[in-house]
Protein backbone atom coordinates (compact mmCIF):
# COMPACT_ATOMS: atom_id res chain seq x y z
CA MET A 1 -7.72 4.80 -36.68
CA THR A 2 -5.46 5.79 -33.80
CA ASP A 3 -1.74 5.86 -34.18
CA THR A 4 -0.35 2.90 -32.22
CA MET A 5 3.08 1.52 -31.52
CA ASN A 6 4.58 -1.56 -29.91
CA PHE A 7 6.64 -1.66 -26.74
CA SER A 8 8.09 -4.55 -24.78
CA ILE A 9 8.11 -5.24 -21.06
CA ARG A 10 9.79 -7.95 -19.05
CA MET A 11 7.81 -9.92 -16.51
CA GLU A 12 7.93 -13.28 -14.86
CA ARG A 13 6.46 -16.01 -17.04
CA ASP A 14 4.00 -17.22 -14.39
CA VAL A 15 2.75 -13.67 -13.72
CA LYS A 16 2.09 -13.21 -17.44
CA LYS A 17 0.19 -16.49 -17.70
CA GLU A 18 -1.91 -15.78 -14.61
CA CYS A 19 -2.74 -12.26 -15.83
CA GLU A 20 -3.65 -13.53 -19.29
CA LEU A 21 -6.08 -15.98 -17.65
CA LEU A 22 -7.50 -13.33 -15.34
CA TYR A 23 -8.02 -10.67 -18.00
CA GLY A 24 -9.18 -13.29 -20.48
CA GLU A 25 -12.06 -14.06 -18.11
CA LEU A 26 -12.92 -10.36 -18.27
CA GLY A 27 -12.82 -10.43 -22.07
CA LEU A 28 -9.55 -8.52 -22.33
CA THR A 29 -6.14 -9.29 -23.71
CA LEU A 30 -3.11 -8.50 -21.59
CA SER A 31 -2.35 -5.66 -24.00
CA SER A 32 -5.85 -4.20 -23.50
CA ALA A 33 -5.52 -4.48 -19.71
CA ILE A 34 -2.20 -2.65 -19.77
CA ASN A 35 -3.78 0.08 -21.91
CA VAL A 36 -6.60 0.43 -19.36
CA PHE A 37 -3.99 0.77 -16.59
CA LEU A 38 -2.05 3.43 -18.53
CA ARG A 39 -5.14 5.44 -19.49
CA GLN A 40 -6.39 5.39 -15.90
CA SER A 41 -2.94 6.53 -14.75
CA LEU A 42 -3.25 9.54 -17.04
CA ARG A 43 -6.75 10.32 -15.73
CA VAL A 44 -5.71 10.32 -12.07
CA GLY A 45 -2.21 11.73 -12.53
CA GLY A 46 -0.35 8.73 -11.12
CA PHE A 47 -0.92 5.15 -10.12
CA PRO A 48 -4.62 4.30 -10.34
CA PHE A 49 -4.38 2.57 -6.95
CA ASP A 50 -2.60 3.09 -3.65
CA VAL A 51 1.08 2.20 -3.67
CA LYS A 52 2.23 1.72 -0.11
CA LEU A 53 4.28 -0.45 2.15
CA GLN A 54 2.80 -3.61 3.58
CA GLU A 55 0.31 -3.41 6.39
CA PRO A 56 1.88 -3.35 9.86
CA ASN A 57 2.85 -6.72 11.31
CA GLU A 58 1.14 -8.21 14.36
CA GLU A 59 3.65 -6.76 16.82
CA THR A 60 3.21 -3.25 15.43
CA VAL A 61 -0.58 -3.56 15.47
CA ALA A 62 -0.43 -4.73 19.10
CA ALA A 63 1.78 -1.75 20.02
CA MET A 64 -0.60 0.65 18.27
CA LEU A 65 -3.58 -0.80 20.13
CA GLU A 66 -1.70 -0.56 23.44
CA ALA A 67 -0.79 3.07 22.74
CA LYS A 68 -4.42 3.86 21.95
CA ARG A 69 -5.55 2.13 25.18
CA ILE A 70 -3.00 4.05 27.25
CA ALA A 71 -3.96 7.35 25.60
CA HIS A 72 -7.58 6.85 26.67
CA ASP A 73 -6.80 5.50 30.16
CA PRO A 74 -7.25 8.29 32.75
CA ALA A 75 -5.20 6.28 35.27
CA ALA A 76 -2.14 6.11 32.99
CA LYS A 77 0.94 8.07 34.16
CA ARG A 78 1.32 11.40 32.34
CA TYR A 79 4.39 13.59 31.92
CA GLY A 80 4.57 17.32 31.38
CA ASP A 81 7.54 17.13 29.02
CA VAL A 82 10.23 14.81 27.67
CA GLU A 83 12.74 15.69 30.38
CA GLU A 84 10.29 14.63 33.08
CA ALA A 85 9.69 11.29 31.31
CA LEU A 86 13.45 10.73 30.94
CA ARG A 87 14.05 11.48 34.64
CA GLU A 88 11.40 8.86 35.46
CA LEU A 89 13.13 6.32 33.22
CA LYS A 90 16.50 6.88 34.92
CA ARG A 91 15.14 5.96 38.37
């Protein structure tokens, strides 16, 4: 038998209940699910999923799409360097 030990974690009560229901449907206890998470973390050398900031908001997505459109538009004004662009802005 493997050598095991107990450890405690704090989590919101509703998160715990929801996770117990979720993992229960998969035939796992919350403890088993946490062990799966930790073992997978060891296998991949970090989080077993992407940890990143939220997706860009609508305004940012719109700006990105506009930038892409401008970059592919042959009629869009082009500048040779930053100074030239700044001179144009000062007019």
